[in-house]
Amino acid sequence: MKKLVVIAVVACAVLMMGGCGNSTKQVPFDNGDSSEIVNADPTIYGICVEGTAMNILQLVTDMGDTMSIDISAAQEDGKVFGGMQVGDRMAVLPGTKKQTASMVIDQASLLGNWVMPNPLDGSDEVGIRIKEGGIAESIEQSNITYKTWRLSRGKLEIVLVREGGSEEEETYIYDLVKLGPDSLIYKDAEETFEYSRQKPREKYGTEIELEDAQDEFFM
C-alpha cells in the first residue's frame, strides 16, 4: 500500500513539473513574431570615412558608431563591389569573425544609367536607371517598368511591373557579379544581365550629362 502511495506522489510531481515547464517556456527576445529575428538583415549600413585603407574599411554606421572592418577575406573572395570612396554609402555583410566583412558594396557606385544593346535587334540601348532613395526607372523599355531597388543580405532586389501581365509588382533577387566604374553584372538562376554605364550623348558638339552619372571611381 505504501508503495502505491509513493508511486502516485511521484507521478503527480512529474506531471506538475511538465505542466510548469510548458507554461513558462519562452523564446528569447521574442516579441510575438520570432521570424523577425531569424530573417533580420545582418547587413551593416553606413558612410565610408577617412581612415579607410587597402584592407580596412572605416565606417560610420547608421547607428552612429565608428567601426574599422577588416575586408581582407572579402577581397580574396572577389566580394568587394564598387571600391571604397570616402563619403560614399556602403553596405557591409559581416564575416564569421568580429569586425570582419564577407562582402562590401559601395552603394554610390550602383547609382546611374546602366544599359545594354537591345536583345531583340541590338539597334537601341535598353536598361535600368538606379537612383538615390531606392528609386529605379526603365531606360527605353516599354514592356518593363522598374519601380524600386534595394540591397539586402548582399543581394540586389529589384521590383518591376511587366506590361500586358497582371500589372502586379514582381520582385527579383540577384547576386552581384561585378560592379566597376563602367560595368555592372548581376544574375539569378535563370539570367545574367551585363550592363555598361551609359555615356553622355553629344549634341552639336556639346556633351549632355546623364543624371546620376558617376564621373569618378576609386578602389
N, C-alpha and C. Protein backbone atom coordinates (compact mmCIF):
# COMPACT_ATOMS: atom_id res chain seq x y z
N MET A 1 0.83 -1.21 0.00
CA MET A 1 0.00 0.00 0.00
C MET A 1 0.86 1.26 0.00
N LYS A 2 1.93 1.21 0.82
CA LYS A 2 2.82 2.37 0.86
C LYS A 2 3.49 2.60 -0.49
N LYS A 3 3.84 1.48 -1.19
CA LYS A 3 4.47 1.60 -2.49
C LYS A 3 3.56 2.30 -3.48
N LEU A 4 2.27 1.98 -3.42
CA LEU A 4 1.31 2.59 -4.34
C LEU A 4 1.19 4.08 -4.09
N VAL A 5 1.21 4.49 -2.82
CA VAL A 5 1.10 5.90 -2.47
C VAL A 5 2.32 6.67 -2.98
N VAL A 6 3.53 6.07 -2.79
CA VAL A 6 4.76 6.72 -3.23
C VAL A 6 4.76 6.89 -4.74
N ILE A 7 4.34 5.85 -5.50
CA ILE A 7 4.29 5.92 -6.95
C ILE A 7 3.34 7.02 -7.42
N ALA A 8 2.19 7.12 -6.75
CA ALA A 8 1.20 8.13 -7.12
C ALA A 8 1.73 9.53 -6.89
N VAL A 9 2.45 9.73 -5.77
CA VAL A 9 3.00 11.05 -5.45
C VAL A 9 4.06 11.46 -6.49
N VAL A 10 4.93 10.49 -6.86
CA VAL A 10 5.98 10.76 -7.84
C VAL A 10 5.38 11.11 -9.19
N ALA A 11 4.36 10.35 -9.61
CA ALA A 11 3.71 10.60 -10.89
C ALA A 11 3.08 11.99 -10.92
N CYS A 12 2.45 12.38 -9.83
CA CYS A 12 1.82 13.70 -9.74
C CYS A 12 2.86 14.80 -9.85
N ALA A 13 4.00 14.58 -9.16
CA ALA A 13 5.07 15.59 -9.20
C ALA A 13 5.61 15.75 -10.60
N VAL A 14 5.78 14.63 -11.32
CA VAL A 14 6.28 14.69 -12.69
C VAL A 14 5.33 15.46 -13.58
N LEU A 15 4.04 15.21 -13.43
CA LEU A 15 3.03 15.92 -14.23
C LEU A 15 3.03 17.40 -13.92
N MET A 16 3.20 17.77 -12.65
CA MET A 16 3.22 19.17 -12.27
C MET A 16 4.44 19.88 -12.86
N MET A 17 5.60 19.17 -12.83
CA MET A 17 6.82 19.76 -13.38
C MET A 17 6.69 19.98 -14.88
N GLY A 18 6.10 18.99 -15.56
CA GLY A 18 5.92 19.11 -17.00
C GLY A 18 5.00 20.25 -17.33
N GLY A 19 3.90 20.38 -16.54
CA GLY A 19 2.96 21.45 -16.79
C GLY A 19 3.59 22.80 -16.54
N CYS A 20 4.40 22.88 -15.50
CA CYS A 20 5.05 24.13 -15.17
C CYS A 20 6.03 24.53 -16.26
N GLY A 21 6.78 23.52 -16.78
CA GLY A 21 7.75 23.81 -17.84
C GLY A 21 7.08 24.36 -19.07
N ASN A 22 5.94 23.77 -19.46
CA ASN A 22 5.25 24.23 -20.65
C ASN A 22 4.69 25.63 -20.49
N SER A 23 4.28 25.97 -19.28
CA SER A 23 3.64 27.26 -19.07
C SER A 23 4.63 28.41 -19.04
N THR A 24 5.91 28.13 -18.78
CA THR A 24 6.88 29.21 -18.64
C THR A 24 7.88 29.24 -19.79
N LYS A 25 7.81 28.32 -20.74
CA LYS A 25 8.77 28.27 -21.84
C LYS A 25 8.60 29.47 -22.75
N GLN A 26 9.71 30.20 -23.03
CA GLN A 26 9.66 31.37 -23.88
C GLN A 26 10.81 31.35 -24.87
N VAL A 27 10.62 32.01 -25.99
CA VAL A 27 11.69 32.18 -26.96
C VAL A 27 12.42 33.47 -26.60
N PRO A 28 13.75 33.41 -26.37
CA PRO A 28 14.49 34.63 -26.00
C PRO A 28 14.28 35.75 -27.02
N PHE A 29 14.05 36.96 -26.55
CA PHE A 29 13.90 38.16 -27.38
C PHE A 29 12.70 38.06 -28.32
N ASP A 30 11.77 37.17 -28.03
CA ASP A 30 10.60 37.01 -28.90
C ASP A 30 9.60 38.13 -28.62
N ASN A 31 9.20 38.86 -29.66
CA ASN A 31 8.22 39.94 -29.50
C ASN A 31 6.87 39.54 -30.06
N GLY A 32 6.68 38.24 -30.22
CA GLY A 32 5.41 37.78 -30.77
C GLY A 32 5.57 37.22 -32.17
N ASP A 33 6.69 37.58 -32.85
CA ASP A 33 6.95 37.07 -34.19
C ASP A 33 8.44 36.76 -34.29
N SER A 34 8.82 35.54 -33.91
CA SER A 34 10.23 35.18 -33.88
C SER A 34 10.85 35.18 -35.26
N SER A 35 10.03 35.16 -36.34
CA SER A 35 10.56 35.17 -37.69
C SER A 35 11.29 36.48 -37.98
N GLU A 36 10.93 37.56 -37.28
CA GLU A 36 11.61 38.83 -37.48
C GLU A 36 13.07 38.73 -37.08
N ILE A 37 13.36 37.93 -36.03
CA ILE A 37 14.73 37.76 -35.57
C ILE A 37 15.49 36.89 -36.55
N VAL A 38 14.89 35.78 -36.95
CA VAL A 38 15.54 34.83 -37.84
C VAL A 38 15.84 35.47 -39.18
N ASN A 39 14.90 36.28 -39.69
CA ASN A 39 15.03 36.83 -41.03
C ASN A 39 15.62 38.24 -41.07
N ALA A 40 16.08 38.73 -39.92
CA ALA A 40 16.62 40.09 -39.89
C ALA A 40 17.85 40.20 -40.79
N ASP A 41 17.94 41.32 -41.50
CA ASP A 41 19.07 41.56 -42.39
C ASP A 41 20.29 41.91 -41.54
N PRO A 42 21.36 41.12 -41.61
CA PRO A 42 22.55 41.40 -40.79
C PRO A 42 23.45 42.48 -41.36
N THR A 43 23.12 42.98 -42.55
CA THR A 43 23.98 43.95 -43.23
C THR A 43 24.17 45.21 -42.40
N ILE A 44 25.40 45.71 -42.38
CA ILE A 44 25.73 46.96 -41.71
C ILE A 44 25.77 48.06 -42.77
N TYR A 45 25.02 49.13 -42.54
CA TYR A 45 24.96 50.23 -43.49
C TYR A 45 25.59 51.47 -42.86
N GLY A 46 26.32 52.23 -43.68
CA GLY A 46 26.94 53.44 -43.15
C GLY A 46 27.73 54.17 -44.22
N ILE A 47 28.52 55.15 -43.78
CA ILE A 47 29.30 56.01 -44.67
C ILE A 47 30.78 55.71 -44.52
N CYS A 48 31.46 55.56 -45.66
CA CYS A 48 32.90 55.35 -45.68
C CYS A 48 33.59 56.65 -45.28
N VAL A 49 34.52 56.58 -44.32
CA VAL A 49 35.18 57.79 -43.83
C VAL A 49 36.69 57.66 -43.91
N GLU A 50 37.37 58.77 -43.64
CA GLU A 50 38.83 58.77 -43.64
C GLU A 50 39.33 57.78 -42.59
N GLY A 51 40.41 57.15 -42.90
CA GLY A 51 40.90 56.05 -42.07
C GLY A 51 40.78 54.74 -42.82
N THR A 52 40.01 54.77 -43.91
CA THR A 52 39.89 53.61 -44.79
C THR A 52 41.22 53.39 -45.52
N ALA A 53 41.68 52.15 -45.51
CA ALA A 53 42.94 51.81 -46.16
C ALA A 53 42.72 50.61 -47.07
N MET A 54 43.82 50.02 -47.54
CA MET A 54 43.72 48.93 -48.50
C MET A 54 42.90 47.76 -47.99
N ASN A 55 43.15 47.33 -46.76
CA ASN A 55 42.45 46.16 -46.21
C ASN A 55 41.48 46.51 -45.09
N ILE A 56 41.33 47.79 -44.80
CA ILE A 56 40.48 48.23 -43.70
C ILE A 56 39.46 49.24 -44.20
N LEU A 57 38.20 49.00 -43.90
CA LEU A 57 37.14 49.94 -44.19
C LEU A 57 36.72 50.59 -42.88
N GLN A 58 36.87 51.90 -42.81
CA GLN A 58 36.39 52.63 -41.64
C GLN A 58 35.01 53.17 -41.97
N LEU A 59 34.06 52.85 -41.13
CA LEU A 59 32.65 53.10 -41.43
C LEU A 59 31.98 53.79 -40.25
N VAL A 60 31.21 54.85 -40.53
CA VAL A 60 30.31 55.41 -39.54
C VAL A 60 28.93 54.86 -39.85
N THR A 61 28.44 53.99 -38.98
CA THR A 61 27.21 53.27 -39.26
C THR A 61 25.99 54.17 -39.09
N ASP A 62 24.85 53.66 -39.55
CA ASP A 62 23.59 54.40 -39.41
C ASP A 62 23.22 54.59 -37.94
N MET A 63 23.82 53.78 -37.04
CA MET A 63 23.56 53.90 -35.62
C MET A 63 24.50 54.93 -34.96
N GLY A 64 25.44 55.47 -35.76
CA GLY A 64 26.34 56.47 -35.23
C GLY A 64 27.65 55.93 -34.70
N ASP A 65 27.87 54.62 -34.82
CA ASP A 65 29.11 54.01 -34.35
C ASP A 65 30.18 54.09 -35.43
N THR A 66 31.43 54.21 -35.02
CA THR A 66 32.56 54.16 -35.94
C THR A 66 33.22 52.80 -35.84
N MET A 67 33.33 52.12 -36.97
CA MET A 67 33.89 50.77 -37.00
C MET A 67 35.05 50.70 -37.97
N SER A 68 36.06 49.93 -37.61
CA SER A 68 37.16 49.60 -38.52
C SER A 68 37.03 48.13 -38.86
N ILE A 69 36.70 47.84 -40.11
CA ILE A 69 36.34 46.48 -40.53
C ILE A 69 37.42 45.91 -41.44
N ASP A 70 37.89 44.73 -41.10
CA ASP A 70 38.88 44.03 -41.91
C ASP A 70 38.16 43.40 -43.12
N ILE A 71 38.55 43.83 -44.32
CA ILE A 71 37.87 43.35 -45.53
C ILE A 71 38.75 42.38 -46.34
N SER A 72 39.81 41.88 -45.71
CA SER A 72 40.75 41.00 -46.43
C SER A 72 40.06 39.79 -47.03
N ALA A 73 39.21 39.13 -46.24
CA ALA A 73 38.54 37.93 -46.72
C ALA A 73 37.62 38.24 -47.90
N ALA A 74 36.92 39.37 -47.82
CA ALA A 74 36.03 39.78 -48.92
C ALA A 74 36.84 40.06 -50.18
N GLN A 75 38.00 40.68 -50.03
CA GLN A 75 38.85 40.95 -51.18
C GLN A 75 39.35 39.67 -51.83
N GLU A 76 39.76 38.70 -51.01
CA GLU A 76 40.27 37.43 -51.53
C GLU A 76 39.18 36.67 -52.29
N ASP A 77 37.93 36.82 -51.84
CA ASP A 77 36.81 36.12 -52.49
C ASP A 77 36.21 36.92 -53.65
N GLY A 78 36.77 38.09 -53.94
CA GLY A 78 36.21 38.93 -55.01
C GLY A 78 34.85 39.48 -54.67
N LYS A 79 34.65 39.79 -53.39
CA LYS A 79 33.35 40.26 -52.92
C LYS A 79 33.37 41.72 -52.48
N VAL A 80 34.29 42.50 -53.03
CA VAL A 80 34.28 43.95 -52.80
C VAL A 80 33.80 44.58 -54.10
N PHE A 81 32.61 45.15 -54.07
CA PHE A 81 31.97 45.67 -55.27
C PHE A 81 31.92 47.19 -55.24
N GLY A 82 32.50 47.82 -56.27
CA GLY A 82 32.39 49.26 -56.41
C GLY A 82 33.46 50.07 -55.73
N GLY A 83 34.46 49.42 -55.14
CA GLY A 83 35.53 50.16 -54.50
C GLY A 83 35.10 50.74 -53.16
N MET A 84 35.90 51.67 -52.63
CA MET A 84 35.62 52.31 -51.34
C MET A 84 36.01 53.77 -51.43
N GLN A 85 35.05 54.62 -51.65
CA GLN A 85 35.30 56.05 -51.78
C GLN A 85 34.80 56.77 -50.53
N VAL A 86 35.66 57.57 -49.93
CA VAL A 86 35.27 58.32 -48.74
C VAL A 86 34.05 59.18 -49.05
N GLY A 87 33.05 59.09 -48.19
CA GLY A 87 31.81 59.84 -48.37
C GLY A 87 30.70 59.02 -48.99
N ASP A 88 31.05 57.85 -49.56
CA ASP A 88 30.03 57.00 -50.19
C ASP A 88 29.30 56.17 -49.14
N ARG A 89 28.05 55.85 -49.44
CA ARG A 89 27.28 54.97 -48.57
C ARG A 89 27.64 53.53 -48.90
N MET A 90 27.89 52.73 -47.85
CA MET A 90 28.36 51.37 -48.01
C MET A 90 27.37 50.38 -47.40
N ALA A 91 27.40 49.16 -47.93
CA ALA A 91 26.66 48.04 -47.35
C ALA A 91 27.67 46.93 -47.08
N VAL A 92 27.75 46.49 -45.83
CA VAL A 92 28.76 45.51 -45.42
C VAL A 92 28.08 44.29 -44.82
N LEU A 93 28.35 43.14 -45.41
CA LEU A 93 27.85 41.89 -44.87
C LEU A 93 28.92 41.33 -43.93
N PRO A 94 28.61 41.18 -42.64
CA PRO A 94 29.63 40.76 -41.68
C PRO A 94 30.18 39.37 -41.97
N GLY A 95 31.45 39.16 -41.59
CA GLY A 95 32.07 37.85 -41.70
C GLY A 95 31.80 37.03 -40.46
N THR A 96 32.41 35.85 -40.39
CA THR A 96 32.21 34.97 -39.25
C THR A 96 32.94 35.47 -38.00
N LYS A 97 34.01 36.24 -38.21
CA LYS A 97 34.76 36.80 -37.08
C LYS A 97 34.35 38.25 -36.86
N LYS A 98 34.52 38.70 -35.62
CA LYS A 98 34.13 40.06 -35.27
C LYS A 98 34.95 41.08 -36.04
N GLN A 99 34.26 42.15 -36.47
CA GLN A 99 34.90 43.25 -37.18
C GLN A 99 35.52 42.82 -38.51
N THR A 100 34.94 41.80 -39.15
CA THR A 100 35.39 41.40 -40.49
C THR A 100 34.20 41.44 -41.44
N ALA A 101 34.49 41.45 -42.75
CA ALA A 101 33.43 41.52 -43.76
C ALA A 101 33.55 40.36 -44.73
N SER A 102 32.42 39.79 -45.11
CA SER A 102 32.40 38.76 -46.14
C SER A 102 32.02 39.37 -47.49
N MET A 103 31.43 40.59 -47.46
CA MET A 103 31.07 41.29 -48.70
C MET A 103 30.97 42.78 -48.41
N VAL A 104 31.45 43.58 -49.37
CA VAL A 104 31.38 45.04 -49.25
C VAL A 104 30.83 45.59 -50.57
N ILE A 105 29.82 46.45 -50.47
CA ILE A 105 29.22 47.06 -51.67
C ILE A 105 29.18 48.57 -51.50
N ASP A 106 29.75 49.28 -52.45
CA ASP A 106 29.66 50.73 -52.49
C ASP A 106 28.35 51.09 -53.19
N GLN A 107 27.36 51.49 -52.41
CA GLN A 107 26.04 51.76 -52.99
C GLN A 107 26.08 52.94 -53.96
N ALA A 108 26.94 53.91 -53.71
CA ALA A 108 27.02 55.07 -54.59
C ALA A 108 27.45 54.66 -55.99
N SER A 109 28.28 53.61 -56.08
CA SER A 109 28.74 53.15 -57.39
C SER A 109 27.63 52.48 -58.19
N LEU A 110 26.56 52.08 -57.51
CA LEU A 110 25.42 51.48 -58.20
C LEU A 110 24.58 52.53 -58.92
N LEU A 111 24.63 53.76 -58.43
CA LEU A 111 23.78 54.80 -58.99
C LEU A 111 24.18 55.14 -60.42
N GLY A 112 23.20 55.39 -61.25
CA GLY A 112 23.48 55.79 -62.61
C GLY A 112 22.60 55.10 -63.63
N ASN A 113 22.91 55.34 -64.89
CA ASN A 113 22.18 54.74 -66.01
C ASN A 113 22.98 53.56 -66.54
N TRP A 114 22.39 52.39 -66.50
CA TRP A 114 23.06 51.17 -66.93
C TRP A 114 22.32 50.60 -68.15
N VAL A 115 23.07 50.38 -69.24
CA VAL A 115 22.42 49.97 -70.49
C VAL A 115 23.15 48.79 -71.14
N MET A 116 22.44 48.14 -72.05
CA MET A 116 22.97 47.07 -72.88
C MET A 116 22.29 47.15 -74.24
N PRO A 117 22.85 46.54 -75.28
CA PRO A 117 22.16 46.52 -76.58
C PRO A 117 20.81 45.80 -76.45
N ASN A 118 19.83 46.30 -77.15
CA ASN A 118 18.51 45.66 -77.13
C ASN A 118 18.65 44.20 -77.55
N PRO A 119 18.28 43.24 -76.68
CA PRO A 119 18.44 41.83 -77.02
C PRO A 119 17.60 41.38 -78.20
N LEU A 120 16.60 42.18 -78.61
CA LEU A 120 15.75 41.80 -79.74
C LEU A 120 16.43 42.06 -81.09
N ASP A 121 17.04 43.25 -81.23
CA ASP A 121 17.67 43.57 -82.52
C ASP A 121 19.01 44.28 -82.39
N GLY A 122 19.36 44.67 -81.16
CA GLY A 122 20.65 45.31 -80.94
C GLY A 122 20.74 46.73 -81.46
N SER A 123 19.62 47.29 -81.91
CA SER A 123 19.66 48.61 -82.54
C SER A 123 19.68 49.74 -81.51
N ASP A 124 19.04 49.53 -80.39
CA ASP A 124 18.95 50.57 -79.36
C ASP A 124 19.55 50.07 -78.06
N GLU A 125 19.77 51.01 -77.16
CA GLU A 125 20.23 50.66 -75.81
C GLU A 125 19.03 50.65 -74.87
N VAL A 126 18.94 49.60 -74.08
CA VAL A 126 17.89 49.50 -73.07
C VAL A 126 18.57 49.23 -71.72
N GLY A 127 17.85 49.53 -70.65
CA GLY A 127 18.48 49.26 -69.37
C GLY A 127 17.68 49.77 -68.19
N ILE A 128 18.43 50.06 -67.12
CA ILE A 128 17.82 50.46 -65.86
C ILE A 128 18.55 51.67 -65.29
N ARG A 129 17.77 52.58 -64.74
CA ARG A 129 18.32 53.76 -64.07
C ARG A 129 18.17 53.54 -62.57
N ILE A 130 19.29 53.51 -61.85
CA ILE A 130 19.28 53.29 -60.41
C ILE A 130 19.54 54.62 -59.72
N LYS A 131 18.58 55.07 -58.93
CA LYS A 131 18.64 56.40 -58.33
C LYS A 131 18.67 56.32 -56.81
N GLU A 132 19.06 57.43 -56.19
CA GLU A 132 19.06 57.50 -54.74
C GLU A 132 17.64 57.33 -54.21
N GLY A 133 17.55 56.89 -52.97
CA GLY A 133 16.24 56.72 -52.35
C GLY A 133 15.53 55.45 -52.75
N GLY A 134 16.26 54.51 -53.37
CA GLY A 134 15.64 53.24 -53.74
C GLY A 134 14.76 53.31 -54.97
N ILE A 135 14.91 54.36 -55.77
CA ILE A 135 14.08 54.52 -56.97
C ILE A 135 14.76 53.88 -58.17
N ALA A 136 14.01 53.12 -58.95
CA ALA A 136 14.51 52.52 -60.19
C ALA A 136 13.58 52.91 -61.33
N GLU A 137 14.16 53.14 -62.51
CA GLU A 137 13.39 53.51 -63.68
C GLU A 137 13.88 52.74 -64.90
N SER A 138 13.00 52.56 -65.85
CA SER A 138 13.37 51.87 -67.09
C SER A 138 13.99 52.84 -68.08
N ILE A 139 14.93 52.36 -68.87
CA ILE A 139 15.53 53.13 -69.95
C ILE A 139 15.14 52.48 -71.27
N GLU A 140 14.29 53.16 -72.03
CA GLU A 140 13.86 52.71 -73.36
C GLU A 140 13.26 51.30 -73.33
N GLN A 141 12.48 51.01 -72.30
CA GLN A 141 11.82 49.70 -72.22
C GLN A 141 10.33 49.93 -71.97
N SER A 142 9.55 49.69 -72.99
CA SER A 142 8.11 49.92 -72.87
C SER A 142 7.39 48.75 -72.22
N ASN A 143 8.02 47.56 -72.23
CA ASN A 143 7.35 46.38 -71.70
C ASN A 143 7.67 46.12 -70.23
N ILE A 144 8.66 46.84 -69.69
CA ILE A 144 9.04 46.68 -68.29
C ILE A 144 9.12 48.05 -67.63
N THR A 145 8.49 48.18 -66.48
CA THR A 145 8.59 49.40 -65.69
C THR A 145 9.26 49.07 -64.37
N TYR A 146 10.51 49.52 -64.21
CA TYR A 146 11.19 49.32 -62.94
C TYR A 146 10.63 50.30 -61.92
N LYS A 147 10.49 49.83 -60.68
CA LYS A 147 9.88 50.64 -59.63
C LYS A 147 10.87 51.00 -58.52
N THR A 148 11.44 50.00 -57.88
CA THR A 148 12.33 50.24 -56.76
C THR A 148 13.49 49.26 -56.76
N TRP A 149 14.51 49.58 -55.96
CA TRP A 149 15.64 48.68 -55.76
C TRP A 149 16.12 48.82 -54.32
N ARG A 150 16.82 47.80 -53.86
CA ARG A 150 17.47 47.88 -52.56
C ARG A 150 18.49 46.75 -52.44
N LEU A 151 19.39 46.91 -51.48
CA LEU A 151 20.35 45.86 -51.16
C LEU A 151 19.91 45.20 -49.87
N SER A 152 19.93 43.88 -49.84
CA SER A 152 19.56 43.14 -48.63
C SER A 152 20.34 41.83 -48.61
N ARG A 153 21.05 41.59 -47.51
CA ARG A 153 21.84 40.37 -47.36
C ARG A 153 22.87 40.22 -48.49
N GLY A 154 23.36 41.33 -49.00
CA GLY A 154 24.36 41.28 -50.05
C GLY A 154 23.80 41.01 -51.43
N LYS A 155 22.49 41.02 -51.57
CA LYS A 155 21.85 40.78 -52.86
C LYS A 155 21.10 42.02 -53.32
N LEU A 156 20.94 42.13 -54.63
CA LEU A 156 20.23 43.26 -55.22
C LEU A 156 18.78 42.85 -55.50
N GLU A 157 17.85 43.56 -54.88
CA GLU A 157 16.43 43.30 -55.08
C GLU A 157 15.84 44.40 -55.96
N ILE A 158 15.16 43.98 -57.02
CA ILE A 158 14.54 44.94 -57.95
C ILE A 158 13.06 44.61 -58.09
N VAL A 159 12.23 45.64 -57.95
CA VAL A 159 10.78 45.47 -58.10
C VAL A 159 10.37 46.10 -59.42
N LEU A 160 9.56 45.37 -60.21
CA LEU A 160 9.14 45.86 -61.53
C LEU A 160 7.72 45.42 -61.83
N VAL A 161 7.19 46.02 -62.88
CA VAL A 161 5.86 45.65 -63.39
C VAL A 161 6.01 45.40 -64.88
N ARG A 162 5.45 44.30 -65.35
CA ARG A 162 5.52 43.94 -66.77
C ARG A 162 4.23 44.35 -67.48
N GLU A 163 4.38 44.98 -68.63
CA GLU A 163 3.22 45.38 -69.41
C GLU A 163 2.55 44.15 -70.01
N GLY A 164 1.24 44.13 -69.98
CA GLY A 164 0.50 43.00 -70.54
C GLY A 164 0.34 41.85 -69.58
N GLY A 165 0.92 41.98 -68.39
CA GLY A 165 0.79 40.93 -67.39
C GLY A 165 -0.37 41.22 -66.46
N SER A 166 -0.21 40.81 -65.22
CA SER A 166 -1.26 41.03 -64.24
C SER A 166 -1.21 42.43 -63.65
N GLU A 167 -0.19 43.23 -64.08
CA GLU A 167 0.02 44.57 -63.55
C GLU A 167 0.39 44.56 -62.08
N GLU A 168 0.73 43.39 -61.55
CA GLU A 168 1.18 43.30 -60.17
C GLU A 168 2.70 43.45 -60.10
N GLU A 169 3.18 44.00 -59.01
CA GLU A 169 4.62 44.16 -58.84
C GLU A 169 5.29 42.81 -58.62
N GLU A 170 6.42 42.64 -59.28
CA GLU A 170 7.21 41.42 -59.14
C GLU A 170 8.56 41.78 -58.54
N THR A 171 9.05 40.96 -57.64
CA THR A 171 10.34 41.19 -57.00
C THR A 171 11.35 40.15 -57.47
N TYR A 172 12.48 40.63 -57.96
CA TYR A 172 13.55 39.75 -58.42
C TYR A 172 14.79 39.98 -57.54
N ILE A 173 15.44 38.89 -57.19
CA ILE A 173 16.62 38.96 -56.31
C ILE A 173 17.82 38.44 -57.09
N TYR A 174 18.88 39.27 -57.13
CA TYR A 174 20.05 38.95 -57.93
C TYR A 174 21.33 38.92 -57.10
N ASP A 175 22.27 38.11 -57.53
CA ASP A 175 23.61 38.10 -56.98
C ASP A 175 24.47 39.07 -57.80
N LEU A 176 25.23 39.90 -57.12
CA LEU A 176 26.16 40.77 -57.83
C LEU A 176 27.36 39.95 -58.31
N VAL A 177 27.74 40.17 -59.55
CA VAL A 177 28.90 39.51 -60.14
C VAL A 177 30.06 40.49 -60.30
N LYS A 178 29.72 41.70 -60.75
CA LYS A 178 30.74 42.72 -60.97
C LYS A 178 30.13 44.10 -60.85
N LEU A 179 30.86 45.00 -60.22
CA LEU A 179 30.48 46.40 -60.17
C LEU A 179 31.75 47.22 -60.28
N GLY A 180 31.94 47.85 -61.44
CA GLY A 180 33.12 48.66 -61.69
C GLY A 180 32.72 50.05 -62.11
N PRO A 181 33.69 50.87 -62.50
CA PRO A 181 33.37 52.25 -62.90
C PRO A 181 32.44 52.32 -64.10
N ASP A 182 32.52 51.32 -64.99
CA ASP A 182 31.72 51.36 -66.21
C ASP A 182 30.97 50.06 -66.48
N SER A 183 30.91 49.17 -65.51
CA SER A 183 30.24 47.89 -65.76
C SER A 183 29.49 47.40 -64.52
N LEU A 184 28.34 46.81 -64.78
CA LEU A 184 27.50 46.22 -63.74
C LEU A 184 26.98 44.89 -64.26
N ILE A 185 27.26 43.82 -63.52
CA ILE A 185 26.77 42.50 -63.90
C ILE A 185 26.09 41.88 -62.68
N TYR A 186 24.87 41.41 -62.88
CA TYR A 186 24.19 40.66 -61.82
C TYR A 186 23.41 39.52 -62.45
N LYS A 187 23.07 38.52 -61.64
CA LYS A 187 22.44 37.32 -62.17
C LYS A 187 21.53 36.67 -61.15
N ASP A 188 20.63 35.85 -61.67
CA ASP A 188 19.86 34.93 -60.83
C ASP A 188 20.04 33.54 -61.41
N ALA A 189 19.18 32.60 -61.05
CA ALA A 189 19.35 31.23 -61.51
C ALA A 189 19.09 31.07 -63.00
N GLU A 190 18.39 32.03 -63.60
CA GLU A 190 17.99 31.89 -65.00
C GLU A 190 18.71 32.83 -65.96
N GLU A 191 19.04 34.04 -65.51
CA GLU A 191 19.58 35.04 -66.43
C GLU A 191 20.77 35.78 -65.83
N THR A 192 21.63 36.26 -66.72
CA THR A 192 22.72 37.14 -66.34
C THR A 192 22.57 38.45 -67.11
N PHE A 193 22.61 39.56 -66.40
CA PHE A 193 22.46 40.88 -67.01
C PHE A 193 23.80 41.60 -66.98
N GLU A 194 24.30 41.98 -68.16
CA GLU A 194 25.58 42.66 -68.28
C GLU A 194 25.35 44.06 -68.83
N TYR A 195 25.59 45.05 -67.98
CA TYR A 195 25.35 46.44 -68.36
C TYR A 195 26.66 47.23 -68.43
N SER A 196 26.62 48.29 -69.22
CA SER A 196 27.67 49.29 -69.24
C SER A 196 27.07 50.61 -68.79
N ARG A 197 27.91 51.44 -68.19
CA ARG A 197 27.39 52.74 -67.79
C ARG A 197 27.13 53.58 -69.05
N GLN A 198 25.94 54.15 -69.15
CA GLN A 198 25.58 54.92 -70.34
C GLN A 198 26.44 56.17 -70.45
N LYS A 199 27.00 56.37 -71.61
CA LYS A 199 27.88 57.51 -71.83
C LYS A 199 27.05 58.74 -72.19
N PRO A 200 27.55 59.92 -71.81
CA PRO A 200 26.86 61.16 -72.21
C PRO A 200 26.78 61.25 -73.73
N ARG A 201 25.63 61.63 -74.22
CA ARG A 201 25.45 61.78 -75.67
C ARG A 201 25.82 63.18 -76.11
N GLU A 202 26.36 63.29 -77.29
CA GLU A 202 26.78 64.59 -77.82
C GLU A 202 25.69 65.18 -78.70
N LYS A 203 25.49 66.46 -78.55
CA LYS A 203 24.53 67.17 -79.40
C LYS A 203 25.17 68.47 -79.85
N TYR A 204 25.39 68.56 -81.16
CA TYR A 204 26.04 69.73 -81.74
C TYR A 204 27.39 70.00 -81.09
N GLY A 205 28.13 68.90 -80.84
CA GLY A 205 29.48 69.03 -80.30
C GLY A 205 29.54 69.27 -78.81
N THR A 206 28.40 69.27 -78.11
CA THR A 206 28.39 69.51 -76.66
C THR A 206 27.89 68.27 -75.94
N GLU A 207 28.61 67.85 -74.91
CA GLU A 207 28.20 66.68 -74.16
C GLU A 207 27.01 67.02 -73.26
N ILE A 208 26.05 66.10 -73.22
CA ILE A 208 24.91 66.22 -72.32
C ILE A 208 25.12 65.27 -71.17
N GLU A 209 25.18 65.81 -69.94
CA GLU A 209 25.43 64.95 -68.79
C GLU A 209 24.20 64.12 -68.47
N LEU A 210 24.44 62.88 -68.09
CA LEU A 210 23.36 62.00 -67.72
C LEU A 210 23.12 62.09 -66.23
N GLU A 211 21.87 61.97 -65.84
CA GLU A 211 21.50 62.05 -64.44
C GLU A 211 22.17 60.92 -63.66
N ASP A 212 22.74 61.27 -62.52
CA ASP A 212 23.37 60.32 -61.61
C ASP A 212 24.61 59.66 -62.19
N ALA A 213 25.15 60.17 -63.29
CA ALA A 213 26.36 59.57 -63.84
C ALA A 213 27.50 59.70 -62.86
N GLN A 214 28.28 58.64 -62.74
CA GLN A 214 29.40 58.63 -61.82
C GLN A 214 30.66 58.95 -62.60
N ASP A 215 31.29 60.08 -62.31
CA ASP A 215 32.46 60.51 -63.06
C ASP A 215 33.75 59.94 -62.50
N GLU A 216 33.77 59.62 -61.20
CA GLU A 216 34.99 59.15 -60.59
C GLU A 216 34.75 57.83 -59.90
N PHE A 217 35.81 57.03 -59.86
CA PHE A 217 35.69 55.71 -59.25
C PHE A 217 37.03 55.40 -58.62
N PHE A 218 37.01 55.02 -57.36
CA PHE A 218 38.25 54.75 -56.66
C PHE A 218 38.22 53.37 -56.05
N MET A 219 39.36 52.70 -56.08
CA MET A 219 39.50 51.42 -55.42
C MET A 219 40.18 51.62 -54.07
